[in-house]
């Protein structure tokens, strides 16, 4: 990962390059200007290996080690926008910290962010980087993400950044009575982004679009 000395970026990681990315996201239908501002201000190049920093503001997923990827900016923006579509939320659970990029975006939009990651090496790296860039409203847990974080629930919102074959019941149970969850569901080449909305005991599911994520695995490492 890049050092904290170059968070502002130069050349292919400059603010001008970030602004071009934001324009592309706007053209693809992202309308929430607050989210676009946060994406513009978040140094995505710091969340990838230094050798890939010049590609950080392309609208594409990139490898981050441990057979994981950093999601493409459009998907980060799309999921965040859908998560906040009903207005501000107080607490969000992120299942799959990964690089910490989605975590960073959420931390600037939601007062309390709880994030769970099964891969210890990724979690430690993300924790250090998020502290470096000033994200102070995040709590971290090294655990099986499919189990959520029941001790901190219920959550106003849950965002899942890896794809289970079916939505874990434990996560639905940790939604607040009016909570919403964004989760990619399905097999490797046949996944759909699903919005889960809870209204008391009633749970509605809505398919938003086709996506491709790494699988949600059980256990921790």
C-alpha atoms as a PDB file:
ATOM      1  CA  UNK A   1       0.000   0.000   0.000  1.00  0.00           C
ATOM      2  CA  UNK A   2       1.116   3.578  -0.540  1.00  0.00           C
ATOM      3  CA  UNK A   3       2.512   5.617   2.312  1.00  0.00           C
ATOM      4  CA  UNK A   4       0.707   8.397   4.134  1.00  0.00           C
ATOM      5  CA  UNK A   5       3.047  10.874   2.468  1.00  0.00           C
ATOM      6  CA  UNK A   6       1.276  10.770  -0.903  1.00  0.00           C
ATOM      7  CA  UNK A   7      -2.411  10.707   0.063  1.00  0.00           C
ATOM      8  CA  UNK A   8      -3.144  13.800  -2.032  1.00  0.00           C
ATOM      9  CA  UNK A   9      -1.708  12.102  -5.089  1.00  0.00           C
ATOM     10  CA  UNK A  10      -0.020  13.369  -8.238  1.00  0.00           C
ATOM     11  CA  UNK A  11      -0.395  12.585 -11.932  1.00  0.00           C
ATOM     12  CA  UNK A  12      -2.720   9.602 -12.338  1.00  0.00           C
ATOM     13  CA  UNK A  13      -3.718   9.854  -8.663  1.00  0.00           C
ATOM     14  CA  UNK A  14      -4.298  13.623  -8.619  1.00  0.00           C
ATOM     15  CA  UNK A  15      -7.505  15.445  -7.713  1.00  0.00           C
ATOM     16  CA  UNK A  16      -8.103  16.097 -11.405  1.00  0.00           C
ATOM     17  CA  UNK A  17      -8.070  12.346 -12.062  1.00  0.00           C
ATOM     18  CA  UNK A  18     -10.482  11.778  -9.163  1.00  0.00           C
ATOM     19  CA  UNK A  19     -12.792  14.431 -10.573  1.00  0.00           C
ATOM     20  CA  UNK A  20     -12.899  12.610 -13.901  1.00  0.00           C
ATOM     21  CA  UNK A  21     -13.919   9.439 -12.070  1.00  0.00           C
ATOM     22  CA  UNK A  22     -16.726  11.300 -10.314  1.00  0.00           C
ATOM     23  CA  UNK A  23     -17.982  12.601 -13.670  1.00  0.00           C
ATOM     24  CA  UNK A  24     -18.079   9.039 -14.999  1.00  0.00           C
ATOM     25  CA  UNK A  25     -20.061   7.913 -11.945  1.00  0.00           C
ATOM     26  CA  UNK A  26     -22.493  10.777 -12.447  1.00  0.00           C
ATOM     27  CA  UNK A  27     -22.922   9.757 -16.106  1.00  0.00           C
ATOM     28  CA  UNK A  28     -23.670   6.190 -14.947  1.00  0.00           C
ATOM     29  CA  UNK A  29     -26.576   7.416 -12.839  1.00  0.00           C
ATOM     30  CA  UNK A  30     -25.144   8.148  -9.398  1.00  0.00           C
ATOM     31  CA  UNK A  31     -27.092  11.179  -8.190  1.00  0.00           C
ATOM     32  CA  UNK A  32     -26.228  11.646  -4.510  1.00  0.00           C
ATOM     33  CA  UNK A  33     -23.795  14.560  -4.585  1.00  0.00           C
ATOM     34  CA  UNK A  34     -22.688  13.982  -0.998  1.00  0.00           C
ATOM     35  CA  UNK A  35     -21.553  10.468  -1.907  1.00  0.00           C
ATOM     36  CA  UNK A  36     -19.800  11.771  -5.027  1.00  0.00           C
ATOM     37  CA  UNK A  37     -18.003  14.389  -2.938  1.00  0.00           C
ATOM     38  CA  UNK A  38     -16.822  11.722  -0.494  1.00  0.00           C
ATOM     39  CA  UNK A  39     -15.540   9.529  -3.337  1.00  0.00           C
ATOM     40  CA  UNK A  40     -13.731  12.524  -4.798  1.00  0.00           C
ATOM     41  CA  UNK A  41     -12.041  13.194  -1.454  1.00  0.00           C
ATOM     42  CA  UNK A  42     -11.124   9.584  -0.603  1.00  0.00           C
ATOM     43  CA  UNK A  43      -7.610   8.546  -1.753  1.00  0.00           C
ATOM     44  CA  UNK A  44      -8.419   5.229  -3.436  1.00  0.00           C
ATOM     45  CA  UNK A  45      -4.795   4.915  -4.570  1.00  0.00           C
ATOM     46  CA  UNK A  46      -3.804   4.457  -0.925  1.00  0.00           C
ATOM     47  CA  UNK A  47      -5.920   1.300  -0.715  1.00  0.00           C
ATOM     48  CA  UNK A  48      -4.157  -0.592  -3.521  1.00  0.00           C
ATOM     49  CA  UNK A  49      -0.602  -1.750  -4.011  1.00  0.00           C
ATOM     50  CA  UNK A  50       1.754   1.036  -5.069  1.00  0.00           C
ATOM     51  CA  UNK A  51       2.337  -0.701  -8.401  1.00  0.00           C
ATOM     52  CA  UNK A  52      -1.374  -0.332  -9.195  1.00  0.00           C
ATOM     53  CA  UNK A  53      -1.776   3.231  -7.914  1.00  0.00           C
ATOM     54  CA  UNK A  54      -1.870   4.641 -11.463  1.00  0.00           C
ATOM     55  CA  UNK A  55      -5.053   2.587 -12.067  1.00  0.00           C
ATOM     56  CA  UNK A  56      -6.761   3.500  -8.804  1.00  0.00           C
ATOM     57  CA  UNK A  57      -9.231   5.939 -10.383  1.00  0.00           C
ATOM     58  CA  UNK A  58     -10.261   3.686 -13.221  1.00  0.00           C
ATOM     59  CA  UNK A  59     -13.790   2.378 -12.733  1.00  0.00           C
ATOM     60  CA  UNK A  60     -12.652  -1.180 -12.201  1.00  0.00           C
ATOM     61  CA  UNK A  61     -11.997  -3.716  -9.451  1.00  0.00           C
ATOM     62  CA  UNK A  62      -8.343  -4.297  -8.584  1.00  0.00           C
ATOM     63  CA  UNK A  63      -6.519  -7.073  -6.654  1.00  0.00           C
ATOM     64  CA  UNK A  64      -5.507  -6.342  -3.051  1.00  0.00           C
ATOM     65  CA  UNK A  65      -3.922  -9.682  -2.138  1.00  0.00           C
ATOM     66  CA  UNK A  66      -5.344 -12.653  -0.231  1.00  0.00           C
ATOM     67  CA  UNK A  67      -7.387 -13.500  -3.398  1.00  0.00           C
ATOM     68  CA  UNK A  68      -9.550 -10.437  -2.716  1.00  0.00           C
ATOM     69  CA  UNK A  69     -10.334  -7.283  -4.683  1.00  0.00           C
ATOM     70  CA  UNK A  70     -11.197  -3.665  -4.077  1.00  0.00           C
ATOM     71  CA  UNK A  71     -14.646  -3.080  -5.598  1.00  0.00           C
ATOM     72  CA  UNK A  72     -15.013  -0.843  -8.634  1.00  0.00           C
ATOM     73  CA  UNK A  73     -15.971   2.727  -7.677  1.00  0.00           C
ATOM     74  CA  UNK A  74     -19.349   2.499  -9.430  1.00  0.00           C
ATOM     75  CA  UNK A  75     -20.384  -0.458  -7.267  1.00  0.00           C
ATOM     76  CA  UNK A  76     -19.203   1.314  -4.101  1.00  0.00           C
ATOM     77  CA  UNK A  77     -21.221   4.387  -5.070  1.00  0.00           C
ATOM     78  CA  UNK A  78     -24.257   2.367  -6.192  1.00  0.00           C
ATOM     79  CA  UNK A  79     -24.446   0.292  -3.028  1.00  0.00           C
ATOM     80  CA  UNK A  80     -23.870   3.294  -0.777  1.00  0.00           C
ATOM     81  CA  UNK A  81     -26.511   5.336  -2.585  1.00  0.00           C
ATOM     82  CA  UNK A  82     -29.075   2.539  -2.324  1.00  0.00           C
ATOM     83  CA  UNK A  83     -28.211   2.034   1.342  1.00  0.00           C
ATOM     84  CA  UNK A  84     -28.883   5.688   2.136  1.00  0.00           C
ATOM     85  CA  UNK A  85     -31.825   6.192  -0.235  1.00  0.00           C
ATOM     86  CA  UNK A  86     -34.348   6.490   2.599  1.00  0.00           C
ATOM     87  CA  UNK A  87     -32.288   9.141   4.370  1.00  0.00           C
ATOM     88  CA  UNK A  88     -29.468   9.253   6.938  1.00  0.00           C
ATOM     89  CA  UNK A  89     -28.720   6.227   9.118  1.00  0.00           C
ATOM     90  CA  UNK A  90     -26.996   6.157  12.492  1.00  0.00           C
ATOM     91  CA  UNK A  91     -25.209   2.818  12.320  1.00  0.00           C
ATOM     92  CA  UNK A  92     -24.037   0.514   9.537  1.00  0.00           C
ATOM     93  CA  UNK A  93     -22.499  -2.947   9.594  1.00  0.00           C
ATOM     94  CA  UNK A  94     -20.065  -3.743   6.805  1.00  0.00           C
ATOM     95  CA  UNK A  95     -19.486  -7.445   6.166  1.00  0.00           C
ATOM     96  CA  UNK A  96     -16.076  -7.727   4.522  1.00  0.00           C
ATOM     97  CA  UNK A  97     -13.670  -4.901   5.360  1.00  0.00           C
ATOM     98  CA  UNK A  98     -11.331  -5.867   2.540  1.00  0.00           C
ATOM     99  CA  UNK A  99      -9.036  -2.991   1.606  1.00  0.00           C
ATOM    100  CA  UNK A 100     -11.018  -0.582   3.786  1.00  0.00           C
ATOM    101  CA  UNK A 101     -12.041   1.648   0.871  1.00  0.00           C
ATOM    102  CA  UNK A 102     -15.796   1.080   1.204  1.00  0.00           C
ATOM    103  CA  UNK A 103     -15.320   1.461   4.970  1.00  0.00           C
ATOM    104  CA  UNK A 104     -13.701   4.855   4.447  1.00  0.00           C
ATOM    105  CA  UNK A 105     -16.572   6.049   2.258  1.00  0.00           C
ATOM    106  CA  UNK A 106     -19.151   4.884   4.808  1.00  0.00           C
ATOM    107  CA  UNK A 107     -17.284   6.501   7.697  1.00  0.00           C
ATOM    108  CA  UNK A 108     -17.752   9.926   6.127  1.00  0.00           C
ATOM    109  CA  UNK A 109     -21.481   9.387   5.653  1.00  0.00           C
ATOM    110  CA  UNK A 110     -22.608   7.430   8.731  1.00  0.00           C
ATOM    111  CA  UNK A 111     -21.899   8.284  12.398  1.00  0.00           C
ATOM    112  CA  UNK A 112     -21.132   4.708  13.500  1.00  0.00           C
ATOM    113  CA  UNK A 113     -19.482   2.102  11.260  1.00  0.00           C
ATOM    114  CA  UNK A 114     -18.933  -1.498  12.370  1.00  0.00           C
ATOM    115  CA  UNK A 115     -16.871  -3.646  10.033  1.00  0.00           C
ATOM    116  CA  UNK A 116     -16.113  -7.384  10.125  1.00  0.00           C
ATOM    117  CA  UNK A 117     -13.355  -9.154   8.172  1.00  0.00           C
ATOM    118  CA  UNK A 118     -12.414 -12.849   8.233  1.00  0.00           C
ATOM    119  CA  UNK A 119      -8.835 -12.355   6.946  1.00  0.00           C
ATOM    120  CA  UNK A 120      -6.656 -10.999   9.735  1.00  0.00           C
ATOM    121  CA  UNK A 121      -3.943  -9.644   7.435  1.00  0.00           C
ATOM    122  CA  UNK A 122      -6.450  -7.561   5.491  1.00  0.00           C
ATOM    123  CA  UNK A 123      -8.145  -6.297   8.633  1.00  0.00           C
ATOM    124  CA  UNK A 124      -4.906  -5.135  10.241  1.00  0.00           C
ATOM    125  CA  UNK A 125      -3.793  -3.363   7.076  1.00  0.00           C
ATOM    126  CA  UNK A 126      -7.149  -1.635   6.653  1.00  0.00           C
ATOM    127  CA  UNK A 127      -7.254  -0.607  10.311  1.00  0.00           C
ATOM    128  CA  UNK A 128      -3.835   1.067  10.064  1.00  0.00           C
ATOM    129  CA  UNK A 129      -4.655   2.874   6.822  1.00  0.00           C
ATOM    130  CA  UNK A 130      -8.063   4.084   7.982  1.00  0.00           C
ATOM    131  CA  UNK A 131      -6.456   5.507  11.100  1.00  0.00           C
ATOM    132  CA  UNK A 132      -3.834   7.245   8.952  1.00  0.00           C
ATOM    133  CA  UNK A 133      -6.452   9.024   6.841  1.00  0.00           C
ATOM    134  CA  UNK A 134      -8.398  10.117   9.909  1.00  0.00           C
ATOM    135  CA  UNK A 135     -11.380   7.741  10.060  1.00  0.00           C
ATOM    136  CA  UNK A 136     -12.172   7.610  13.783  1.00  0.00           C
ATOM    137  CA  UNK A 137     -15.771   6.382  13.918  1.00  0.00           C
ATOM    138  CA  UNK A 138     -15.090   2.747  12.979  1.00  0.00           C
ATOM    139  CA  UNK A 139     -15.069  -0.390  15.129  1.00  0.00           C
ATOM    140  CA  UNK A 140     -13.342  -3.494  13.756  1.00  0.00           C
ATOM    141  CA  UNK A 141     -13.848  -7.199  14.337  1.00  0.00           C
ATOM    142  CA  UNK A 142     -11.880 -10.215  13.092  1.00  0.00           C
ATOM    143  CA  UNK A 143     -14.617 -12.801  12.606  1.00  0.00           C
ATOM    144  CA  UNK A 144     -16.809 -14.753  10.201  1.00  0.00           C
ATOM    145  CA  UNK A 145     -18.769 -11.996   8.483  1.00  0.00           C
ATOM    146  CA  UNK A 146     -21.756 -14.190   7.755  1.00  0.00           C
ATOM    147  CA  UNK A 147     -22.516 -14.163  11.459  1.00  0.00           C
ATOM    148  CA  UNK A 148     -22.578 -10.367  11.546  1.00  0.00           C
ATOM    149  CA  UNK A 149     -21.904  -8.625  14.838  1.00  0.00           C
ATOM    150  CA  UNK A 150     -24.934  -9.351  17.056  1.00  0.00           C
ATOM    151  CA  UNK A 151     -23.442  -7.668  20.131  1.00  0.00           C
ATOM    152  CA  UNK A 152     -23.478  -4.309  18.305  1.00  0.00           C
ATOM    153  CA  UNK A 153     -26.832  -4.708  16.553  1.00  0.00           C
ATOM    154  CA  UNK A 154     -29.440  -4.016  15.545  1.00  0.00           C
ATOM    155  CA  UNK A 155     -28.133  -1.926  12.649  1.00  0.00           C
ATOM    156  CA  UNK A 156     -29.953   0.677  10.589  1.00  0.00           C
ATOM    157  CA  UNK A 157     -28.101  -0.615   7.541  1.00  0.00           C
ATOM    158  CA  UNK A 158     -25.917  -3.555   6.500  1.00  0.00           C
ATOM    159  CA  UNK A 159     -23.670  -3.690   3.445  1.00  0.00           C
ATOM    160  CA  UNK A 160     -22.134  -7.001   2.350  1.00  0.00           C
ATOM    161  CA  UNK A 161     -19.089  -6.849   0.087  1.00  0.00           C
ATOM    162  CA  UNK A 162     -18.813 -10.554  -0.793  1.00  0.00           C
ATOM    163  CA  UNK A 163     -21.420 -12.840  -2.282  1.00  0.00           C
ATOM    164  CA  UNK A 164     -23.217 -15.563  -0.284  1.00  0.00           C
ATOM    165  CA  UNK A 165     -25.232 -18.178  -2.165  1.00  0.00           C
ATOM    166  CA  UNK A 166     -28.217 -17.224  -0.005  1.00  0.00           C
ATOM    167  CA  UNK A 167     -28.658 -14.260   2.324  1.00  0.00           C
ATOM    168  CA  UNK A 168     -27.547 -15.252   5.853  1.00  0.00           C
ATOM    169  CA  UNK A 169     -30.517 -15.235   8.207  1.00  0.00           C
ATOM    170  CA  UNK A 170     -28.248 -13.928  10.964  1.00  0.00           C
ATOM    171  CA  UNK A 171     -27.769 -10.688   9.027  1.00  0.00           C
ATOM    172  CA  UNK A 172     -31.494 -10.180   8.444  1.00  0.00           C
ATOM    173  CA  UNK A 173     -32.086 -10.677  12.161  1.00  0.00           C
ATOM    174  CA  UNK A 174     -29.544  -7.950  12.954  1.00  0.00           C
ATOM    175  CA  UNK A 175     -31.386  -5.314  10.923  1.00  0.00           C
ATOM    176  CA  UNK A 176     -33.366  -2.738  12.877  1.00  0.00           C
ATOM    177  CA  UNK A 177     -37.181  -2.892  12.422  1.00  0.00           C
ATOM    178  CA  UNK A 178     -36.878  -0.412   9.514  1.00  0.00           C
ATOM    179  CA  UNK A 179     -33.361  -1.393   8.396  1.00  0.00           C
ATOM    180  CA  UNK A 180     -32.053  -2.048   4.877  1.00  0.00           C
ATOM    181  CA  UNK A 181     -29.307  -4.279   3.569  1.00  0.00           C
ATOM    182  CA  UNK A 182     -27.381  -4.376   0.290  1.00  0.00           C
ATOM    183  CA  UNK A 183     -25.989  -7.809  -0.540  1.00  0.00           C
ATOM    184  CA  UNK A 184     -24.740  -9.524  -3.717  1.00  0.00           C
ATOM    185  CA  UNK A 185     -26.258 -13.009  -3.904  1.00  0.00           C
ATOM    186  CA  UNK A 186     -25.457 -16.013  -6.081  1.00  0.00           C
ATOM    187  CA  UNK A 187     -22.735 -18.098  -7.673  1.00  0.00           C
ATOM    188  CA  UNK A 188     -19.469 -16.785  -9.135  1.00  0.00           C
ATOM    189  CA  UNK A 189     -20.828 -15.853 -12.578  1.00  0.00           C
ATOM    190  CA  UNK A 190     -24.494 -15.430 -11.709  1.00  0.00           C
ATOM    191  CA  UNK A 191     -24.887 -12.831  -8.972  1.00  0.00           C
ATOM    192  CA  UNK A 192     -27.510 -10.189  -8.317  1.00  0.00           C
ATOM    193  CA  UNK A 193     -27.321  -7.140  -6.084  1.00  0.00           C
ATOM    194  CA  UNK A 194     -30.283  -7.396  -3.727  1.00  0.00           C
ATOM    195  CA  UNK A 195     -31.832  -4.703  -1.555  1.00  0.00           C
ATOM    196  CA  UNK A 196     -33.390  -6.166   1.585  1.00  0.00           C
ATOM    197  CA  UNK A 197     -35.862  -3.899   3.368  1.00  0.00           C
ATOM    198  CA  UNK A 198     -37.268  -4.746   6.752  1.00  0.00           C
ATOM    199  CA  UNK A 199     -40.556  -3.355   8.069  1.00  0.00           C
ATOM    200  CA  UNK A 200     -41.135  -4.959  11.446  1.00  0.00           C
ATOM    201  CA  UNK A 201     -41.540  -8.683  10.831  1.00  0.00           C
ATOM    202  CA  UNK A 202     -41.977  -8.172   7.086  1.00  0.00           C
ATOM    203  CA  UNK A 203     -38.898  -8.533   4.872  1.00  0.00           C
ATOM    204  CA  UNK A 204     -38.926  -7.450   1.220  1.00  0.00           C
ATOM    205  CA  UNK A 205     -36.245  -8.221  -1.357  1.00  0.00           C
ATOM    206  CA  UNK A 206     -35.611  -6.269  -4.552  1.00  0.00           C
ATOM    207  CA  UNK A 207     -33.065  -7.150  -7.242  1.00  0.00           C
ATOM    208  CA  UNK A 208     -31.186  -4.056  -8.409  1.00  0.00           C
ATOM    209  CA  UNK A 209     -28.718  -5.311 -11.028  1.00  0.00           C
ATOM    210  CA  UNK A 210     -26.219  -7.997 -12.005  1.00  0.00           C
ATOM    211  CA  UNK A 211     -22.861  -7.854 -10.206  1.00  0.00           C
ATOM    212  CA  UNK A 212     -19.726  -9.902  -9.623  1.00  0.00           C
ATOM    213  CA  UNK A 213     -18.096 -10.243  -6.198  1.00  0.00           C
ATOM    214  CA  UNK A 214     -15.734 -12.657  -4.523  1.00  0.00           C
ATOM    215  CA  UNK A 215     -17.629 -15.368  -2.563  1.00  0.00           C
ATOM    216  CA  UNK A 216     -18.560 -14.889   1.081  1.00  0.00           C
ATOM    217  CA  UNK A 217     -16.596 -17.587   2.903  1.00  0.00           C
ATOM    218  CA  UNK A 218     -17.110 -18.923   6.418  1.00  0.00           C
ATOM    219  CA  UNK A 219     -14.549 -19.088   9.210  1.00  0.00           C
ATOM    220  CA  UNK A 220     -11.571 -16.780   9.683  1.00  0.00           C
ATOM    221  CA  UNK A 221      -7.890 -16.777   8.861  1.00  0.00           C
END
